[in-house]
Amino acid sequence: MKEFWKTGLAVLVLAALASYIWFVERKQEPKKEGEREKVTLLAVDKAKAREISLSAFAGEGIRLVKEGTSWKLTTPFAAPADTSAVEAMLTSLEKLEADELVADQVTDFAQYGLDTPSRQVKALLEGAKAPLAVDFGAKSPDGGSLYARKPGEPKVYLVASWVEGSFDKKPFDLRDRDLLHVKRDDVRSLEVAGPEGSYALARTDEGEWAFTTPLATRAGRWSVDGLLGTIENLRMDSVAGEAVSDVRDAKQIARYGLAKPARVVTLVTKDGVARTLEIGGAAPDPTATPAPSPSPSPAKKGEKPAPPKPTKYYARHAGSGLVAVVAATLADDLAKGMGELRAKRLLEVATYETEAFDVTAAGATKTYAKSTTKDKDGLDKTQWKRTAPDAKDLDTTKVEDALFKMGGVEVAEFVDSPSAAPAYGLDAPALKVTVKAKNESWVELGRKDGTFYARRNGDSAILKLDPSKAEELLKAFSEL
């Protein structure tokens, strides 16, 4: 009986081992007929890479060196490098694979175009005396692959043609093209000066934006965020001058329109650092298609046609000798002026953030509060109640619709130098709503001679409203 037990156990172990082997073998995809196993041609440890060199037979060489955590271009010129672009090349070098080994004892490399390689890539690792390198030669007869080899070795491989494309870079492709190096979420204040006027904005502790100059008035959160996004993503399209001095190259500076910049943008980030961008004159755009000249009409005979709208501008980070050419996107946005950034909605309310609100109308104040409970499925269920002067459960959808309507009322006109409150019916407001969310905000509606006006906290302007929208808002809150 004892021997039978041992035999049974051995059978079970063997069965388990056989099952494991079957499972592993099953997971391996069988090679197709004629398919060869890939060969690792080069393996570079990204973390240890300290230098990268790219040299083309018919072009200039490029050398990049890592300094601390950043990469620098040292050849053909000295400049900060785009770290993400360098990292992408290193990713290609982590495991550079060949599709197949063509020959392992080659003496005549000319037949493969490897006597004078079309491109050589080198990577020097920390602690290494010599770099890892690969040469790329001619295309294979079918054009889908390239011949390649490690310098000094007799073996020739075939690699996919797109592999070389990972290293087909010009110096400008690898340089850092970011002019300001600023993240929109880090910006705490913004000043703009230009032909449309000057203004300044500041971000509150709650993340809202408001103008501080020329008057205290609210700014549209998403409008300002969009402008900051354009600034964050500003990249130079080309370099007009590498080391231009205001004193030494005064004529050059004037030619770029930077002696007296057309527009100046100053940002202050949360660390207290200020960055100033100067935008000068229009720059030539060789890629632009000239607009056809319209035939002059008899009525406008003799008038000069309007000049084409610029697509590029000269710009620089103030204090830097680098003058860049940038797309017109930012200049076009700034040309819209302060009005483009103003809060054009009466009060933007996020209903999910609102915890309570008060409504004052006809001399009486009512208070509303939100509570959250779990339903039978364990999901959050929102319930709005009136808590004063009497307690009453309300239709939550109706309450949220009323709050949402405040964001649907657009400002028809801003009165930036208002008269006294009675001129707008705001000495006895028809409605006042105080919303309690992350911070407390309020808005008052007044009516004078059939026209609706409003004012809101943190805003010195009086707002003229669309009458039909204002009426809808009054009705929505009166029904709660």
Protein backbone atom coordinates (compact mmCIF):
# COMPACT_ATOMS: atom_id res chain seq x y z
CA MET A 1 0.00 0.00 0.00
CA LYS A 2 2.90 2.33 0.91
CA GLU A 3 4.69 1.62 -2.41
CA PHE A 4 1.46 2.29 -4.34
CA TRP A 5 1.15 5.72 -2.66
CA LYS A 6 4.71 6.70 -3.67
CA THR A 7 4.08 5.60 -7.26
CA GLY A 8 0.88 7.66 -7.43
CA LEU A 9 2.69 10.77 -6.16
CA ALA A 10 5.42 10.36 -8.79
CA VAL A 11 2.78 10.10 -11.53
CA LEU A 12 1.13 13.31 -10.34
CA VAL A 13 4.46 15.21 -10.34
CA LEU A 14 5.27 14.04 -13.86
CA ALA A 15 1.78 15.01 -15.06
CA ALA A 16 2.17 18.48 -13.59
CA LEU A 17 5.59 18.90 -15.24
CA ALA A 18 4.22 17.76 -18.59
CA SER A 19 1.31 20.20 -18.30
CA TYR A 20 3.69 23.08 -17.58
CA ILE A 21 5.91 22.26 -20.55
CA TRP A 22 2.84 21.99 -22.81
CA PHE A 23 1.56 25.36 -21.57
CA VAL A 24 4.90 27.14 -22.13
CA GLU A 25 5.40 25.62 -25.58
CA ARG A 26 1.83 26.49 -26.48
CA LYS A 27 2.49 30.18 -25.63
CA GLN A 28 5.43 30.33 -28.07
CA GLU A 29 4.38 31.28 -31.55
CA PRO A 30 5.82 28.91 -34.13
CA LYS A 31 8.11 30.59 -36.63
CA LYS A 32 6.77 30.85 -40.13
CA GLU A 33 8.51 28.97 -42.87
CA GLY A 34 11.61 30.86 -43.98
CA GLU A 35 11.43 33.29 -41.06
CA ARG A 36 14.74 33.97 -39.30
CA GLU A 37 15.33 34.90 -35.70
CA LYS A 38 16.14 38.57 -35.08
CA VAL A 39 19.64 39.47 -33.94
CA THR A 40 20.42 42.17 -31.38
CA LEU A 41 22.86 44.42 -33.18
CA LEU A 42 23.30 47.00 -30.43
CA ALA A 43 22.12 47.24 -26.81
CA VAL A 44 22.54 50.59 -25.04
CA ASP A 45 21.70 51.15 -21.38
CA LYS A 46 19.83 54.48 -21.51
CA ALA A 47 20.65 55.32 -17.91
CA LYS A 48 24.39 55.07 -18.58
CA ALA A 49 24.48 56.97 -21.89
CA ARG A 50 26.73 60.04 -21.68
CA GLU A 51 27.38 60.93 -25.33
CA ILE A 52 25.68 60.36 -28.67
CA SER A 53 27.24 61.07 -32.06
CA LEU A 54 25.52 61.06 -35.43
CA SER A 55 27.59 61.41 -38.57
CA ALA A 56 26.33 61.30 -42.14
CA PHE A 57 28.58 60.71 -45.13
CA ALA A 58 27.07 63.67 -46.99
CA GLY A 59 26.25 65.93 -44.05
CA GLU A 60 27.52 67.57 -40.88
CA GLY A 61 28.18 65.58 -37.75
CA ILE A 62 26.17 65.97 -34.53
CA ARG A 63 27.46 65.39 -31.01
CA LEU A 64 25.37 65.46 -27.85
CA VAL A 65 26.70 65.34 -24.30
CA LYS A 66 24.80 64.74 -21.09
CA GLU A 67 25.43 67.29 -18.34
CA GLY A 68 23.68 66.38 -15.11
CA THR A 69 20.14 65.49 -16.10
CA SER A 70 20.13 67.54 -19.30
CA TRP A 71 21.53 67.01 -22.77
CA LYS A 72 23.57 69.61 -24.67
CA LEU A 73 24.45 69.96 -28.33
CA THR A 74 28.20 70.53 -28.67
CA THR A 75 28.62 69.98 -32.43
CA PRO A 76 28.06 71.64 -34.90
CA PHE A 77 27.19 74.41 -32.39
CA ALA A 78 26.67 74.71 -28.65
CA ALA A 79 23.06 74.83 -27.47
CA PRO A 80 20.70 73.09 -25.03
CA ALA A 81 19.22 69.93 -26.54
CA ASP A 82 15.63 68.70 -26.57
CA THR A 83 15.81 65.98 -23.91
CA SER A 84 12.70 64.19 -25.18
CA ALA A 85 14.15 63.96 -28.72
CA VAL A 86 17.42 62.55 -27.35
CA GLU A 87 15.52 60.06 -25.17
CA ALA A 88 13.62 58.87 -28.25
CA MET A 89 16.91 58.08 -30.01
CA LEU A 90 18.20 56.27 -26.94
CA THR A 91 15.03 54.19 -26.88
CA SER A 92 15.82 53.09 -30.45
CA LEU A 93 19.34 52.14 -29.32
CA GLU A 94 18.21 50.16 -26.25
CA LYS A 95 17.71 47.10 -28.40
CA LEU A 96 18.65 47.74 -32.01
CA GLU A 97 17.68 44.57 -33.85
CA ALA A 98 18.68 43.20 -37.23
CA ASP A 99 16.27 41.12 -39.26
CA GLU A 100 18.99 38.72 -40.34
CA LEU A 101 22.72 38.09 -40.67
CA VAL A 102 23.70 38.46 -44.34
CA ALA A 103 27.31 37.27 -44.10
CA ASP A 104 29.69 36.69 -41.22
CA GLN A 105 33.10 37.01 -42.92
CA VAL A 106 32.99 40.01 -45.24
CA THR A 107 36.16 41.59 -46.63
CA ASP A 108 34.63 43.75 -49.38
CA PHE A 109 32.18 46.11 -47.68
CA ALA A 110 31.72 48.26 -50.79
CA GLN A 111 29.12 45.83 -52.18
CA TYR A 112 26.95 46.68 -49.16
CA GLY A 113 27.67 50.42 -49.18
CA LEU A 114 29.54 50.04 -45.91
CA ASP A 115 32.98 51.16 -47.13
CA THR A 116 31.65 54.74 -46.79
CA PRO A 117 28.55 54.35 -44.57
CA SER A 118 25.59 56.62 -45.23
CA ARG A 119 25.32 57.15 -41.47
CA GLN A 120 27.16 56.16 -38.30
CA VAL A 121 25.64 56.24 -34.80
CA LYS A 122 27.75 56.10 -31.64
CA ALA A 123 26.81 55.98 -27.98
CA LEU A 124 29.38 56.34 -25.21
CA LEU A 125 28.34 54.82 -21.88
CA GLU A 126 29.46 55.84 -18.42
CA GLY A 127 32.77 54.16 -17.53
CA ALA A 128 33.40 52.88 -21.07
CA LYS A 129 36.59 53.76 -22.96
CA ALA A 130 35.15 53.25 -26.43
CA PRO A 131 31.62 53.95 -27.72
CA LEU A 132 29.15 51.41 -29.01
CA ALA A 133 28.60 52.08 -32.70
CA VAL A 134 26.69 50.96 -35.79
CA ASP A 135 27.17 51.83 -39.47
CA PHE A 136 24.33 51.96 -42.00
CA GLY A 137 25.05 51.29 -45.66
CA ALA A 138 23.13 50.83 -48.90
CA LYS A 139 19.56 49.66 -49.30
CA SER A 140 18.79 46.02 -50.04
CA PRO A 141 17.64 45.14 -53.58
CA ASP A 142 13.97 45.24 -52.56
CA GLY A 143 14.44 48.67 -50.91
CA GLY A 144 12.78 47.61 -47.66
CA SER A 145 15.95 47.10 -45.65
CA LEU A 146 19.44 48.51 -45.11
CA TYR A 147 22.77 46.82 -44.68
CA ALA A 148 24.44 47.51 -41.35
CA ARG A 149 27.41 46.42 -39.28
CA LYS A 150 29.38 47.18 -36.16
CA PRO A 151 32.61 49.01 -37.07
CA GLY A 152 35.63 46.70 -36.96
CA GLU A 153 33.57 43.50 -37.27
CA PRO A 154 33.30 41.36 -40.44
CA LYS A 155 29.57 40.60 -40.08
CA VAL A 156 26.94 42.36 -42.20
CA TYR A 157 23.29 42.48 -41.20
CA LEU A 158 19.99 43.61 -42.67
CA VAL A 159 17.87 46.05 -40.67
CA ALA A 160 14.46 47.54 -41.46
CA SER A 161 14.81 50.82 -43.39
CA TRP A 162 12.83 52.76 -40.76
CA VAL A 163 15.57 52.04 -38.19
CA GLU A 164 17.95 54.51 -39.80
CA GLY A 165 15.12 57.04 -39.92
CA SER A 166 15.22 57.19 -36.11
CA PHE A 167 18.64 58.84 -36.48
CA ASP A 168 17.95 60.95 -39.57
CA LYS A 169 18.21 64.20 -37.65
CA LYS A 170 19.42 67.70 -38.37
CA PRO A 171 21.00 69.75 -35.58
CA PHE A 172 17.88 71.93 -35.31
CA ASP A 173 15.72 68.81 -34.79
CA LEU A 174 17.66 68.04 -31.61
CA ARG A 175 18.07 71.47 -30.07
CA ASP A 176 15.77 72.76 -27.36
CA ARG A 177 13.26 74.98 -29.16
CA ASP A 178 11.31 76.05 -26.06
CA LEU A 179 11.78 79.80 -25.58
CA LEU A 180 10.38 80.33 -22.07
CA HIS A 181 10.33 76.90 -20.36
CA VAL A 182 7.15 77.64 -18.47
CA LYS A 183 4.23 75.42 -17.44
CA ARG A 184 0.80 77.01 -17.48
CA ASP A 185 -0.14 75.64 -14.05
CA ASP A 186 2.91 77.31 -12.51
CA VAL A 187 2.03 80.83 -13.70
CA ARG A 188 0.76 83.15 -10.98
CA SER A 189 0.62 86.48 -12.82
CA LEU A 190 0.62 87.69 -16.41
CA GLU A 191 1.27 91.13 -17.92
CA VAL A 192 0.72 92.01 -21.57
CA ALA A 193 1.65 95.20 -23.41
CA GLY A 194 0.87 95.84 -27.06
CA PRO A 195 -0.96 98.01 -29.59
CA GLU A 196 -4.31 96.86 -28.15
CA GLY A 197 -3.39 98.26 -24.72
CA SER A 198 -1.78 96.96 -21.55
CA TYR A 199 -3.31 94.76 -18.88
CA ALA A 200 -2.29 92.48 -16.03
CA LEU A 201 -3.87 89.43 -14.43
CA ALA A 202 -3.25 87.45 -11.26
CA ARG A 203 -4.32 84.00 -10.15
CA THR A 204 -6.17 83.68 -6.85
CA ASP A 205 -5.45 80.98 -4.28
CA GLU A 206 -8.54 79.14 -5.57
CA GLY A 207 -7.09 79.04 -9.09
CA GLU A 208 -9.37 81.74 -10.56
CA TRP A 209 -8.01 84.53 -12.74
CA ALA A 210 -8.80 88.24 -12.37
CA PHE A 211 -7.53 91.42 -13.99
CA THR A 212 -5.62 93.81 -11.74
CA THR A 213 -4.90 96.45 -14.41
CA PRO A 214 -6.45 98.58 -15.89
CA LEU A 215 -9.35 97.65 -13.59
CA ALA A 216 -10.30 94.92 -11.15
CA THR A 217 -12.55 92.60 -13.11
CA ARG A 218 -13.00 88.88 -13.55
CA ALA A 219 -11.23 86.92 -16.26
CA GLY A 220 -12.52 83.81 -18.01
CA ARG A 221 -10.77 80.78 -16.56
CA TRP A 222 -10.70 78.82 -19.81
CA SER A 223 -9.76 81.83 -21.94
CA VAL A 224 -6.70 82.58 -19.81
CA ASP A 225 -5.81 78.90 -19.65
CA GLY A 226 -5.93 78.74 -23.44
CA LEU A 227 -3.58 81.71 -23.78
CA LEU A 228 -1.17 80.22 -21.23
CA GLY A 229 -1.30 76.93 -23.14
CA THR A 230 -0.23 78.74 -26.31
CA ILE A 231 2.67 80.32 -24.42
CA GLU A 232 3.66 76.99 -22.83
CA ASN A 233 3.73 75.30 -26.26
CA LEU A 234 5.56 78.15 -28.03
CA ARG A 235 8.48 76.72 -30.00
CA MET A 236 10.85 78.40 -32.39
CA ASP A 237 10.48 77.45 -36.03
CA SER A 238 14.00 78.62 -36.85
CA VAL A 239 16.83 80.75 -35.49
CA ALA A 240 17.36 84.23 -36.90
CA GLY A 241 20.40 85.03 -34.74
CA GLU A 242 22.33 83.01 -32.16
CA ALA A 243 24.12 85.73 -30.16
CA VAL A 244 22.60 89.11 -30.96
CA SER A 245 23.52 91.99 -28.66
CA ASP A 246 21.36 95.11 -28.29
CA VAL A 247 24.48 97.28 -28.22
CA ARG A 248 26.75 95.52 -30.68
CA ASP A 249 24.02 94.61 -33.16
CA ALA A 250 21.70 97.59 -32.78
CA LYS A 251 20.84 97.66 -36.49
CA GLN A 252 20.12 93.95 -36.45
CA ILE A 253 17.86 94.33 -33.40
CA ALA A 254 15.97 97.13 -35.13
CA ARG A 255 15.59 95.00 -38.26
CA TYR A 256 13.96 92.28 -36.15
CA GLY A 257 11.59 94.87 -34.64
CA LEU A 258 12.97 94.14 -31.16
CA ALA A 259 14.43 97.58 -30.35
CA LYS A 260 10.85 98.51 -29.44
CA PRO A 261 8.95 95.20 -29.42
CA ALA A 262 5.39 95.29 -30.73
CA ARG A 263 4.22 93.08 -27.86
CA VAL A 264 5.72 92.12 -24.51
CA VAL A 265 4.45 89.30 -22.28
CA THR A 266 5.77 88.88 -18.73
CA LEU A 267 4.98 85.81 -16.63
CA VAL A 268 5.76 85.24 -12.96
CA THR A 269 5.72 81.62 -11.81
CA LYS A 270 5.06 80.15 -8.37
CA ASP A 271 8.78 80.15 -7.57
CA GLY A 272 8.85 83.93 -8.04
CA VAL A 273 10.85 83.79 -11.29
CA ALA A 274 9.81 86.27 -14.01
CA ARG A 275 10.10 85.44 -17.70
CA THR A 276 9.56 88.03 -20.42
CA LEU A 277 8.85 87.31 -24.07
CA GLU A 278 9.36 90.06 -26.64
CA ILE A 279 7.62 89.78 -30.01
CA GLY A 280 9.01 91.96 -32.77
CA GLY A 281 8.32 92.43 -36.44
CA ALA A 282 6.97 90.03 -39.02
CA ALA A 283 9.46 87.44 -40.28
CA PRO A 284 9.55 86.01 -43.81
CA ASP A 285 7.88 82.64 -44.25
CA PRO A 286 9.39 80.73 -47.17
CA THR A 287 6.64 78.10 -46.94
CA ALA A 288 3.76 80.57 -47.24
CA THR A 289 1.77 80.54 -50.48
CA PRO A 290 1.31 84.09 -51.79
CA ALA A 291 -2.34 85.08 -52.11
CA PRO A 292 -3.50 85.86 -55.64
CA SER A 293 -3.77 89.58 -56.37
CA PRO A 294 -7.43 90.50 -56.80
CA SER A 295 -8.42 92.60 -59.77
CA PRO A 296 -9.01 96.17 -58.57
CA SER A 297 -12.62 97.30 -58.84
CA PRO A 298 -13.34 100.67 -60.46
CA ALA A 299 -14.65 102.08 -57.15
CA LYS A 300 -11.40 101.24 -55.38
CA LYS A 301 -9.03 102.08 -58.17
CA GLY A 302 -5.83 103.59 -56.86
CA GLU A 303 -6.13 102.08 -53.37
CA LYS A 304 -3.27 99.94 -52.16
CA PRO A 305 -4.22 96.32 -51.45
CA ALA A 306 -4.02 95.27 -47.80
CA PRO A 307 -0.70 93.62 -46.96
CA PRO A 308 -0.84 89.86 -46.35
CA LYS A 309 -1.28 88.80 -42.74
CA PRO A 310 2.07 87.70 -41.22
CA THR A 311 2.46 84.00 -40.48
CA LYS A 312 5.78 84.32 -38.61
CA TYR A 313 7.30 86.79 -36.16
CA TYR A 314 10.70 87.45 -34.64
CA ALA A 315 10.76 86.85 -30.89
CA ARG A 316 13.17 86.39 -28.00
CA HIS A 317 13.33 85.70 -24.31
CA ALA A 318 14.28 89.13 -22.93
CA GLY A 319 17.92 89.19 -21.92
CA SER A 320 18.83 86.37 -24.29
CA GLY A 321 20.97 86.84 -27.37
CA LEU A 322 18.94 84.26 -29.28
CA VAL A 323 16.44 85.70 -31.76
CA ALA A 324 13.95 83.12 -32.97
CA VAL A 325 11.26 82.92 -35.61
CA VAL A 326 7.93 81.74 -34.22
CA ALA A 327 4.49 81.03 -35.66
CA ALA A 328 1.97 83.88 -35.56
CA THR A 329 -0.42 81.96 -33.26
CA LEU A 330 0.50 83.79 -30.04
CA ALA A 331 0.68 87.23 -31.66
CA ASP A 332 -2.74 86.63 -33.24
CA ASP A 333 -4.22 85.64 -29.86
CA LEU A 334 -2.76 88.73 -28.17
CA ALA A 335 -4.10 90.94 -30.97
CA LYS A 336 -7.63 90.12 -29.76
CA GLY A 337 -6.91 92.27 -26.71
CA MET A 338 -8.06 92.20 -23.12
CA GLY A 339 -11.70 91.70 -24.09
CA GLU A 340 -10.98 88.19 -25.30
CA LEU A 341 -9.92 87.14 -21.79
CA ARG A 342 -12.77 88.66 -19.79
CA ALA A 343 -15.32 86.50 -17.98
CA LYS A 344 -18.22 86.82 -20.41
CA ARG A 345 -20.59 84.59 -18.46
CA LEU A 346 -22.46 85.94 -15.49
CA LEU A 347 -21.12 83.35 -13.05
CA GLU A 348 -19.53 80.05 -13.96
CA VAL A 349 -20.85 77.49 -11.47
CA ALA A 350 -19.77 73.87 -11.19
CA THR A 351 -22.85 72.23 -9.67
CA TYR A 352 -20.84 69.24 -8.43
CA GLU A 353 -18.62 71.62 -6.41
CA THR A 354 -21.51 73.67 -5.00
CA GLU A 355 -22.41 72.73 -1.43
CA ALA A 356 -24.94 75.46 -0.62
CA PHE A 357 -26.34 78.78 -1.82
CA ASP A 358 -28.51 81.66 -0.63
CA VAL A 359 -31.13 83.46 -2.69
CA THR A 360 -32.40 86.93 -1.81
CA ALA A 361 -35.42 88.29 -3.68
CA ALA A 362 -38.23 90.68 -2.71
CA GLY A 363 -36.52 91.35 0.62
CA ALA A 364 -36.53 87.67 1.72
CA THR A 365 -33.58 85.28 1.92
CA LYS A 366 -33.81 81.52 1.40
CA THR A 367 -31.01 79.05 2.10
CA TYR A 368 -30.37 75.82 0.22
CA ALA A 369 -27.99 72.96 1.04
CA LYS A 370 -26.88 69.74 -0.61
CA SER A 371 -26.61 66.35 1.05
CA THR A 372 -25.22 63.11 -0.33
CA THR A 373 -26.42 59.62 0.56
CA LYS A 374 -25.89 56.12 -0.79
CA ASP A 375 -28.59 54.42 -2.83
CA LYS A 376 -29.38 50.68 -2.68
CA ASP A 377 -26.50 49.99 -5.11
CA GLY A 378 -24.00 51.93 -3.01
CA LEU A 379 -23.82 54.86 -5.44
CA ASP A 380 -23.82 58.49 -4.32
CA LYS A 381 -27.21 60.18 -4.53
CA THR A 382 -27.46 63.97 -4.35
CA GLN A 383 -30.40 65.63 -2.63
CA TRP A 384 -31.01 69.39 -2.45
CA LYS A 385 -33.07 70.87 0.38
CA ARG A 386 -34.28 74.28 1.38
CA THR A 387 -33.12 74.73 4.97
CA ALA A 388 -34.41 78.26 5.73
CA PRO A 389 -36.78 79.88 6.40
CA ASP A 390 -38.49 76.45 6.21
CA ALA A 391 -37.25 72.95 5.52
CA LYS A 392 -38.26 71.28 2.28
CA ASP A 393 -36.87 68.59 -0.04
CA LEU A 394 -36.48 69.90 -3.59
CA ASP A 395 -36.27 68.46 -7.07
CA THR A 396 -32.47 68.18 -7.42
CA THR A 397 -32.59 68.48 -11.21
CA LYS A 398 -34.55 71.73 -10.93
CA VAL A 399 -32.04 73.19 -8.48
CA GLU A 400 -29.04 72.25 -10.61
CA ASP A 401 -30.74 73.66 -13.72
CA ALA A 402 -31.16 77.00 -11.94
CA LEU A 403 -27.49 77.06 -10.94
CA PHE A 404 -26.45 76.04 -14.43
CA LYS A 405 -28.46 78.90 -15.95
CA MET A 406 -26.16 81.45 -14.31
CA GLY A 407 -23.38 80.19 -16.55
CA GLY A 408 -25.69 80.47 -19.54
CA VAL A 409 -26.26 84.20 -19.13
CA GLU A 410 -23.73 86.04 -21.28
CA VAL A 411 -22.60 89.60 -20.73
CA ALA A 412 -23.81 91.79 -23.57
CA GLU A 413 -21.72 94.80 -22.54
CA PHE A 414 -19.20 95.77 -19.83
CA VAL A 415 -19.57 99.14 -18.12
CA ASP A 416 -16.03 99.71 -16.84
CA SER A 417 -16.58 103.19 -15.39
CA PRO A 418 -20.02 102.75 -13.79
CA SER A 419 -22.21 105.34 -12.15
CA ALA A 420 -23.79 104.81 -8.74
CA ALA A 421 -25.85 101.66 -8.08
CA PRO A 422 -29.30 103.34 -8.51
CA ALA A 423 -28.51 104.03 -12.18
CA TYR A 424 -28.70 100.28 -12.75
CA GLY A 425 -31.40 99.26 -10.31
CA LEU A 426 -28.76 97.71 -8.09
CA ASP A 427 -29.61 99.75 -5.02
CA ALA A 428 -32.52 97.32 -4.61
CA PRO A 429 -31.52 94.17 -6.55
CA ALA A 430 -34.27 91.98 -8.01
CA LEU A 431 -32.13 88.92 -7.23
CA LYS A 432 -28.97 88.08 -5.34
CA VAL A 433 -27.46 84.59 -5.39
CA THR A 434 -24.53 83.65 -3.15
CA VAL A 435 -22.88 80.37 -4.12
CA LYS A 436 -20.75 78.45 -1.63
CA ALA A 437 -18.28 76.08 -3.29
CA LYS A 438 -14.45 76.11 -3.07
CA ASN A 439 -14.85 79.80 -2.42
CA GLU A 440 -17.88 82.04 -1.99
CA SER A 441 -19.16 84.00 -4.99
CA TRP A 442 -22.19 86.20 -5.39
CA VAL A 443 -24.03 87.98 -8.16
CA GLU A 444 -26.81 90.62 -8.07
CA LEU A 445 -29.32 91.44 -10.81
CA GLY A 446 -30.97 94.83 -11.15
CA ARG A 447 -33.50 96.26 -13.57
CA LYS A 448 -33.65 99.86 -14.79
CA ASP A 449 -35.97 101.17 -17.52
CA GLY A 450 -36.49 97.65 -18.88
CA THR A 451 -32.77 96.86 -19.04
CA PHE A 452 -31.09 94.23 -16.85
CA TYR A 453 -27.74 94.86 -15.18
CA ALA A 454 -25.59 92.81 -12.83
CA ARG A 455 -22.57 93.04 -10.58
CA ARG A 456 -20.50 90.31 -8.96
CA ASN A 457 -17.92 90.06 -6.22
CA GLY A 458 -14.34 90.82 -7.19
CA ASP A 459 -15.49 92.85 -10.19
CA SER A 460 -15.63 96.63 -10.40
CA ALA A 461 -17.49 96.56 -13.74
CA ILE A 462 -21.26 96.62 -14.19
CA LEU A 463 -22.57 93.99 -16.59
CA LYS A 464 -25.33 94.61 -19.07
CA LEU A 465 -27.30 91.39 -19.68
CA ASP A 466 -29.43 89.83 -22.37
CA PRO A 467 -33.02 90.55 -21.18
CA SER A 468 -34.50 87.16 -22.14
CA LYS A 469 -31.72 85.23 -20.36
CA ALA A 470 -32.04 87.42 -17.28
CA GLU A 471 -35.80 86.80 -17.16
CA GLU A 472 -35.22 83.03 -17.38
CA LEU A 473 -32.77 83.24 -14.47
CA LEU A 474 -35.21 85.18 -12.28
CA LYS A 475 -37.96 82.66 -13.06
CA ALA A 476 -35.73 79.63 -12.35
CA PHE A 477 -34.79 80.83 -8.84
CA SER A 478 -38.28 82.06 -8.01
CA GLU A 479 -39.60 78.52 -8.53
CA LEU A 480 -37.27 76.88 -6.01
